[in-house]
Amino acid sequence: MECGRCVTGPYGWLVAQCDVVKKSFGNTYFGLDACMANLMRPGMYDSYHHITVAGRTAETGDLARSNVVGTLCENNDWFAKDRMLPKDCDVGDLFVIHDTGAHSHSMGFQYNGKLRAPEILLRSSSTPEKPVYNLIRTRETIKGLYDNTLQLPDVKEYSAASLQYTSAQNRGGISVADSFLRSYWGVAAIIAASVAINVAVGYKRKN
């Protein structure tokens, strides 16, 4: 018996908002504001988590095969593949991912600066008409990501304003933006090429 899954697993829900709906090559993708930083089990283990959408049921509309994905730039950042969900789901809907009471927040991480979500405890005395709950973990902040980092004593600390002033002085009036483009022109070229390819593919599909 795995204690975490048995004792706490069924009593947790990850609630995420749909930020985007994408339809591509006959597939539908619901992009949530959560990601595998909040729940990595589907992407890592191919584990199944039941998903419902608040206010949307099979009775309110037809079902359609859909994919529920996160916000990371990783191909395994997903919560469900080919899942039958109400086809009328839209941006702003709340997706409820069930059975996340174990190995969800505890396996969370901060890759790509993702901030871990707050946790709310729903009391057993709650009723549908009068929920009773307490906030038991606050949402992480950007400041919190760096609270335990230390400034190296032999490295001077610069503010954004002083960096811009020094850059303009040292380069004879060249701005920070110009300096950035000169330093990372390769990255800019790759991005420009990617955009051009996507535009060309889209044009070809339309014609």
C-alpha atoms as a PDB file:
ATOM      1  CA  MET A   1       0.000   0.000   0.000  1.00  0.00           C
ATOM      2  CA  GLU A   2       1.326   3.440  -0.940  1.00  0.00           C
ATOM      3  CA  CYS A   3       0.273   5.645   1.979  1.00  0.00           C
ATOM      4  CA  GLY A   4       0.259   8.990   0.185  1.00  0.00           C
ATOM      5  CA  ARG A   5      -2.040   7.864  -2.604  1.00  0.00           C
ATOM      6  CA  CYS A   6      -4.264   5.863  -0.261  1.00  0.00           C
ATOM      7  CA  VAL A   7      -4.677   8.411   2.529  1.00  0.00           C
ATOM      8  CA  THR A   8      -4.530  11.838   0.855  1.00  0.00           C
ATOM      9  CA  GLY A   9      -4.627  11.176  -2.896  1.00  0.00           C
ATOM     10  CA  PRO A  10      -8.403  11.185  -3.435  1.00  0.00           C
ATOM     11  CA  TYR A  11      -8.883  14.314  -1.312  1.00  0.00           C
ATOM     12  CA  GLY A  12      -7.146  16.938  -3.393  1.00  0.00           C
ATOM     13  CA  TRP A  13      -8.084  18.867  -6.515  1.00  0.00           C
ATOM     14  CA  LEU A  14      -5.995  21.064  -8.767  1.00  0.00           C
ATOM     15  CA  VAL A  15      -8.191  23.908 -10.048  1.00  0.00           C
ATOM     16  CA  ALA A  16      -6.879  25.773 -13.092  1.00  0.00           C
ATOM     17  CA  GLN A  17      -8.337  28.327 -15.479  1.00  0.00           C
ATOM     18  CA  CYS A  18      -8.415  27.843 -19.230  1.00  0.00           C
ATOM     19  CA  ASP A  19      -6.368  30.623 -20.812  1.00  0.00           C
ATOM     20  CA  VAL A  20      -6.490  29.563 -24.459  1.00  0.00           C
ATOM     21  CA  VAL A  21      -8.298  27.160 -26.785  1.00  0.00           C
ATOM     22  CA  LYS A  22      -6.323  25.976 -29.796  1.00  0.00           C
ATOM     23  CA  LYS A  23      -7.657  23.949 -32.709  1.00  0.00           C
ATOM     24  CA  SER A  24      -4.978  22.497 -34.979  1.00  0.00           C
ATOM     25  CA  PHE A  25      -5.055  19.675 -37.547  1.00  0.00           C
ATOM     26  CA  GLY A  26      -8.380  18.454 -36.211  1.00  0.00           C
ATOM     27  CA  ASN A  27      -7.226  18.437 -32.581  1.00  0.00           C
ATOM     28  CA  THR A  28      -8.493  20.617 -29.744  1.00  0.00           C
ATOM     29  CA  TYR A  29      -6.176  21.832 -27.000  1.00  0.00           C
ATOM     30  CA  PHE A  30      -7.278  23.529 -23.802  1.00  0.00           C
ATOM     31  CA  GLY A  31      -4.334  25.476 -22.372  1.00  0.00           C
ATOM     32  CA  LEU A  32      -4.533  25.971 -18.610  1.00  0.00           C
ATOM     33  CA  ASP A  33      -2.761  28.458 -16.359  1.00  0.00           C
ATOM     34  CA  ALA A  34      -1.316  25.471 -14.471  1.00  0.00           C
ATOM     35  CA  CYS A  35       1.442  23.190 -15.706  1.00  0.00           C
ATOM     36  CA  MET A  36       3.480  20.137 -14.753  1.00  0.00           C
ATOM     37  CA  ALA A  37       5.156  22.296 -12.113  1.00  0.00           C
ATOM     38  CA  ASN A  38       1.837  21.888 -10.271  1.00  0.00           C
ATOM     39  CA  LEU A  39       1.162  18.263 -11.248  1.00  0.00           C
ATOM     40  CA  MET A  40       3.856  16.277 -13.041  1.00  0.00           C
ATOM     41  CA  ARG A  41       2.361  12.777 -12.723  1.00  0.00           C
ATOM     42  CA  PRO A  42       0.517  12.709 -16.105  1.00  0.00           C
ATOM     43  CA  GLY A  43       3.538  13.958 -18.017  1.00  0.00           C
ATOM     44  CA  MET A  44       6.065  11.823 -16.149  1.00  0.00           C
ATOM     45  CA  TYR A  45       4.148   8.596 -15.504  1.00  0.00           C
ATOM     46  CA  ASP A  46       1.278   8.813 -17.996  1.00  0.00           C
ATOM     47  CA  SER A  47      -1.003   8.627 -14.962  1.00  0.00           C
ATOM     48  CA  TYR A  48      -4.748   9.188 -15.289  1.00  0.00           C
ATOM     49  CA  HIS A  49      -6.488  12.009 -13.424  1.00  0.00           C
ATOM     50  CA  HIS A  50     -10.188  12.531 -13.913  1.00  0.00           C
ATOM     51  CA  ILE A  51     -11.043  16.044 -15.177  1.00  0.00           C
ATOM     52  CA  THR A  52     -14.287  17.950 -14.877  1.00  0.00           C
ATOM     53  CA  VAL A  53     -15.113  21.491 -15.966  1.00  0.00           C
ATOM     54  CA  ALA A  54     -17.131  23.688 -13.627  1.00  0.00           C
ATOM     55  CA  GLY A  55     -20.562  24.365 -15.110  1.00  0.00           C
ATOM     56  CA  ARG A  56     -19.996  22.034 -18.065  1.00  0.00           C
ATOM     57  CA  THR A  57     -21.373  18.514 -18.156  1.00  0.00           C
ATOM     58  CA  ALA A  58     -22.348  15.956 -20.754  1.00  0.00           C
ATOM     59  CA  GLU A  59     -25.927  17.099 -20.233  1.00  0.00           C
ATOM     60  CA  THR A  60     -25.111  20.726 -21.124  1.00  0.00           C
ATOM     61  CA  GLY A  61     -23.455  19.907 -24.439  1.00  0.00           C
ATOM     62  CA  ASP A  62     -21.825  17.320 -26.637  1.00  0.00           C
ATOM     63  CA  LEU A  63     -18.509  15.715 -25.766  1.00  0.00           C
ATOM     64  CA  ALA A  64     -15.443  15.925 -27.959  1.00  0.00           C
ATOM     65  CA  ARG A  65     -12.011  14.331 -27.874  1.00  0.00           C
ATOM     66  CA  SER A  66      -9.690  16.965 -26.401  1.00  0.00           C
ATOM     67  CA  ASN A  67      -6.226  17.544 -24.957  1.00  0.00           C
ATOM     68  CA  VAL A  68      -5.563  19.465 -21.740  1.00  0.00           C
ATOM     69  CA  VAL A  69      -2.104  21.012 -21.588  1.00  0.00           C
ATOM     70  CA  GLY A  70       0.003  23.358 -19.454  1.00  0.00           C
ATOM     71  CA  THR A  71       2.078  26.469 -20.074  1.00  0.00           C
ATOM     72  CA  LEU A  72       5.621  25.094 -20.216  1.00  0.00           C
ATOM     73  CA  CYS A  73       7.609  24.744 -23.436  1.00  0.00           C
ATOM     74  CA  GLU A  74       7.931  20.977 -22.923  1.00  0.00           C
ATOM     75  CA  ASN A  75       6.226  18.259 -24.948  1.00  0.00           C
ATOM     76  CA  ASN A  76       5.281  16.330 -21.800  1.00  0.00           C
ATOM     77  CA  ASP A  77       3.522  19.262 -20.137  1.00  0.00           C
ATOM     78  CA  TRP A  78       0.000  17.887 -20.367  1.00  0.00           C
ATOM     79  CA  PHE A  79      -2.777  16.696 -18.071  1.00  0.00           C
ATOM     80  CA  ALA A  80      -4.915  14.652 -20.469  1.00  0.00           C
ATOM     81  CA  LYS A  81      -4.706  13.351 -24.025  1.00  0.00           C
ATOM     82  CA  ASP A  82      -7.658  12.381 -26.203  1.00  0.00           C
ATOM     83  CA  ARG A  83     -10.006  12.892 -23.275  1.00  0.00           C
ATOM     84  CA  MET A  84     -13.755  13.153 -23.889  1.00  0.00           C
ATOM     85  CA  LEU A  85     -14.702  16.586 -22.519  1.00  0.00           C
ATOM     86  CA  PRO A  86     -17.579  19.007 -23.141  1.00  0.00           C
ATOM     87  CA  LYS A  87     -16.891  20.560 -26.536  1.00  0.00           C
ATOM     88  CA  ASP A  88     -18.300  23.930 -25.446  1.00  0.00           C
ATOM     89  CA  CYS A  89     -15.461  24.544 -22.957  1.00  0.00           C
ATOM     90  CA  ASP A  90     -14.028  28.006 -23.419  1.00  0.00           C
ATOM     91  CA  VAL A  91     -11.474  30.516 -22.148  1.00  0.00           C
ATOM     92  CA  GLY A  92     -12.187  31.395 -18.524  1.00  0.00           C
ATOM     93  CA  ASP A  93     -13.614  28.000 -17.603  1.00  0.00           C
ATOM     94  CA  LEU A  94     -12.306  26.310 -14.467  1.00  0.00           C
ATOM     95  CA  PHE A  95     -10.871  22.835 -15.045  1.00  0.00           C
ATOM     96  CA  VAL A  96     -10.857  20.608 -11.963  1.00  0.00           C
ATOM     97  CA  ILE A  97      -8.200  17.876 -11.990  1.00  0.00           C
ATOM     98  CA  HIS A  98      -9.136  15.218  -9.444  1.00  0.00           C
ATOM     99  CA  ASP A  99      -7.148  13.011  -7.064  1.00  0.00           C
ATOM    100  CA  THR A 100      -4.202  15.378  -6.632  1.00  0.00           C
ATOM    101  CA  GLY A 101      -3.965  15.137  -2.849  1.00  0.00           C
ATOM    102  CA  ALA A 102      -0.642  13.270  -3.046  1.00  0.00           C
ATOM    103  CA  HIS A 103       2.485  13.811  -5.133  1.00  0.00           C
ATOM    104  CA  SER A 104       1.178  17.044  -6.612  1.00  0.00           C
ATOM    105  CA  HIS A 105       2.359  20.124  -4.719  1.00  0.00           C
ATOM    106  CA  SER A 106       5.031  18.030  -2.993  1.00  0.00           C
ATOM    107  CA  MET A 107       6.564  17.187  -6.392  1.00  0.00           C
ATOM    108  CA  GLY A 108       6.238  20.764  -7.643  1.00  0.00           C
ATOM    109  CA  PHE A 109       9.160  22.769  -8.960  1.00  0.00           C
ATOM    110  CA  GLN A 110      10.062  26.256 -10.173  1.00  0.00           C
ATOM    111  CA  TYR A 111      11.387  25.548 -13.654  1.00  0.00           C
ATOM    112  CA  ASN A 112      11.032  28.543 -15.978  1.00  0.00           C
ATOM    113  CA  GLY A 113      10.183  30.676 -12.965  1.00  0.00           C
ATOM    114  CA  LYS A 114       6.849  28.967 -12.411  1.00  0.00           C
ATOM    115  CA  LEU A 115       5.345  29.897  -9.056  1.00  0.00           C
ATOM    116  CA  ARG A 116       3.673  27.187  -7.027  1.00  0.00           C
ATOM    117  CA  ALA A 117      -0.026  27.657  -6.348  1.00  0.00           C
ATOM    118  CA  PRO A 118      -1.660  28.382  -2.992  1.00  0.00           C
ATOM    119  CA  GLU A 119      -3.381  25.568  -1.108  1.00  0.00           C
ATOM    120  CA  ILE A 120      -6.839  25.766   0.406  1.00  0.00           C
ATOM    121  CA  LEU A 121      -8.192  23.315   2.976  1.00  0.00           C
ATOM    122  CA  LEU A 122     -11.910  22.567   2.618  1.00  0.00           C
ATOM    123  CA  ARG A 123     -13.351  21.684   6.018  1.00  0.00           C
ATOM    124  CA  SER A 124     -15.495  18.582   6.530  1.00  0.00           C
ATOM    125  CA  SER A 125     -18.198  20.824   7.993  1.00  0.00           C
ATOM    126  CA  SER A 126     -18.692  22.469   4.588  1.00  0.00           C
ATOM    127  CA  THR A 127     -21.948  22.280   2.713  1.00  0.00           C
ATOM    128  CA  PRO A 128     -22.681  23.205  -0.913  1.00  0.00           C
ATOM    129  CA  GLU A 129     -24.558  26.232   0.359  1.00  0.00           C
ATOM    130  CA  LYS A 130     -21.914  27.279   2.892  1.00  0.00           C
ATOM    131  CA  PRO A 131     -18.345  26.130   2.200  1.00  0.00           C
ATOM    132  CA  VAL A 132     -15.897  26.374   5.090  1.00  0.00           C
ATOM    133  CA  TYR A 133     -12.255  26.641   4.125  1.00  0.00           C
ATOM    134  CA  ASN A 134      -8.868  27.981   5.213  1.00  0.00           C
ATOM    135  CA  LEU A 135      -5.832  29.127   3.268  1.00  0.00           C
ATOM    136  CA  ILE A 136      -3.009  26.821   4.422  1.00  0.00           C
ATOM    137  CA  ARG A 137      -0.273  27.781   1.935  1.00  0.00           C
ATOM    138  CA  THR A 138       0.133  31.144   0.206  1.00  0.00           C
ATOM    139  CA  ARG A 139       0.952  31.603  -3.455  1.00  0.00           C
ATOM    140  CA  GLU A 140       4.654  31.870  -4.206  1.00  0.00           C
ATOM    141  CA  THR A 141       5.993  35.222  -5.401  1.00  0.00           C
ATOM    142  CA  ILE A 142       8.837  36.309  -7.674  1.00  0.00           C
ATOM    143  CA  LYS A 143      10.507  37.870  -4.656  1.00  0.00           C
ATOM    144  CA  GLY A 144      10.224  34.563  -2.856  1.00  0.00           C
ATOM    145  CA  LEU A 145      12.233  32.867  -5.605  1.00  0.00           C
ATOM    146  CA  TYR A 146      15.264  34.939  -4.604  1.00  0.00           C
ATOM    147  CA  ASP A 147      14.780  35.317  -0.854  1.00  0.00           C
ATOM    148  CA  ASN A 148      17.323  32.592  -0.112  1.00  0.00           C
ATOM    149  CA  THR A 149      19.963  33.765  -2.613  1.00  0.00           C
ATOM    150  CA  LEU A 150      23.010  35.765  -1.523  1.00  0.00           C
ATOM    151  CA  GLN A 151      24.938  38.543  -3.232  1.00  0.00           C
ATOM    152  CA  LEU A 152      28.565  37.579  -3.851  1.00  0.00           C
ATOM    153  CA  PRO A 153      30.830  39.900  -1.852  1.00  0.00           C
ATOM    154  CA  ASP A 154      33.270  40.401  -4.741  1.00  0.00           C
ATOM    155  CA  VAL A 155      30.590  41.171  -7.346  1.00  0.00           C
ATOM    156  CA  LYS A 156      29.265  44.700  -7.497  1.00  0.00           C
ATOM    157  CA  GLU A 157      25.496  45.012  -7.400  1.00  0.00           C
ATOM    158  CA  TYR A 158      24.023  47.110 -10.219  1.00  0.00           C
ATOM    159  CA  SER A 159      20.593  48.570 -10.635  1.00  0.00           C
ATOM    160  CA  ALA A 160      18.860  48.676 -14.014  1.00  0.00           C
ATOM    161  CA  ALA A 161      19.347  52.462 -14.194  1.00  0.00           C
ATOM    162  CA  SER A 162      23.096  52.283 -13.507  1.00  0.00           C
ATOM    163  CA  LEU A 163      23.527  49.517 -16.089  1.00  0.00           C
ATOM    164  CA  GLN A 164      21.816  51.614 -18.760  1.00  0.00           C
ATOM    165  CA  TYR A 165      23.917  54.682 -17.902  1.00  0.00           C
ATOM    166  CA  THR A 166      27.180  52.712 -17.904  1.00  0.00           C
ATOM    167  CA  SER A 167      26.293  50.962 -21.156  1.00  0.00           C
ATOM    168  CA  ALA A 168      25.576  54.257 -22.927  1.00  0.00           C
ATOM    169  CA  GLN A 169      28.820  55.758 -21.653  1.00  0.00           C
ATOM    170  CA  ASN A 170      31.032  52.836 -22.585  1.00  0.00           C
ATOM    171  CA  ARG A 171      29.565  52.425 -26.040  1.00  0.00           C
ATOM    172  CA  GLY A 172      29.333  56.043 -27.032  1.00  0.00           C
ATOM    173  CA  GLY A 173      25.595  56.387 -26.665  1.00  0.00           C
ATOM    174  CA  ILE A 174      24.571  52.827 -27.586  1.00  0.00           C
ATOM    175  CA  SER A 175      21.416  51.853 -25.703  1.00  0.00           C
ATOM    176  CA  VAL A 176      20.908  48.731 -23.667  1.00  0.00           C
ATOM    177  CA  ALA A 177      18.476  47.470 -26.327  1.00  0.00           C
ATOM    178  CA  ASP A 178      21.074  47.909 -29.054  1.00  0.00           C
ATOM    179  CA  SER A 179      23.650  46.145 -26.944  1.00  0.00           C
ATOM    180  CA  PHE A 180      21.250  43.260 -26.303  1.00  0.00           C
ATOM    181  CA  LEU A 181      20.487  42.833 -29.996  1.00  0.00           C
ATOM    182  CA  ARG A 182      24.183  42.861 -30.850  1.00  0.00           C
ATOM    183  CA  SER A 183      24.896  40.232 -28.212  1.00  0.00           C
ATOM    184  CA  TYR A 184      21.966  37.977 -29.053  1.00  0.00           C
ATOM    185  CA  TRP A 185      21.466  38.532 -32.771  1.00  0.00           C
ATOM    186  CA  GLY A 186      21.641  34.747 -33.305  1.00  0.00           C
ATOM    187  CA  VAL A 187      18.635  34.171 -31.077  1.00  0.00           C
ATOM    188  CA  ALA A 188      16.744  36.963 -32.825  1.00  0.00           C
ATOM    189  CA  ALA A 189      17.543  35.381 -36.215  1.00  0.00           C
ATOM    190  CA  ILE A 190      16.209  31.996 -35.070  1.00  0.00           C
ATOM    191  CA  ILE A 191      12.990  33.586 -33.787  1.00  0.00           C
ATOM    192  CA  ALA A 192      12.544  35.497 -37.060  1.00  0.00           C
ATOM    193  CA  ALA A 193      13.087  32.308 -39.074  1.00  0.00           C
ATOM    194  CA  SER A 194      10.559  30.402 -36.930  1.00  0.00           C
ATOM    195  CA  VAL A 195       7.949  33.111 -37.456  1.00  0.00           C
ATOM    196  CA  ALA A 196       8.574  33.081 -41.217  1.00  0.00           C
ATOM    197  CA  ILE A 197       8.204  29.283 -41.379  1.00  0.00           C
ATOM    198  CA  ASN A 198       4.940  29.355 -39.394  1.00  0.00           C
ATOM    199  CA  VAL A 199       3.541  32.071 -41.658  1.00  0.00           C
ATOM    200  CA  ALA A 200       4.545  30.101 -44.758  1.00  0.00           C
ATOM    201  CA  VAL A 201       2.984  26.868 -43.450  1.00  0.00           C
ATOM    202  CA  GLY A 202      -0.219  28.687 -42.526  1.00  0.00           C
ATOM    203  CA  TYR A 203      -0.397  30.305 -45.945  1.00  0.00           C
ATOM    204  CA  LYS A 204       0.146  26.952 -47.653  1.00  0.00           C
ATOM    205  CA  ARG A 205      -2.629  25.307 -45.613  1.00  0.00           C
ATOM    206  CA  LYS A 206      -5.084  28.068 -46.518  1.00  0.00           C
ATOM    207  CA  ASN A 207      -4.301  27.685 -50.198  1.00  0.00           C
END
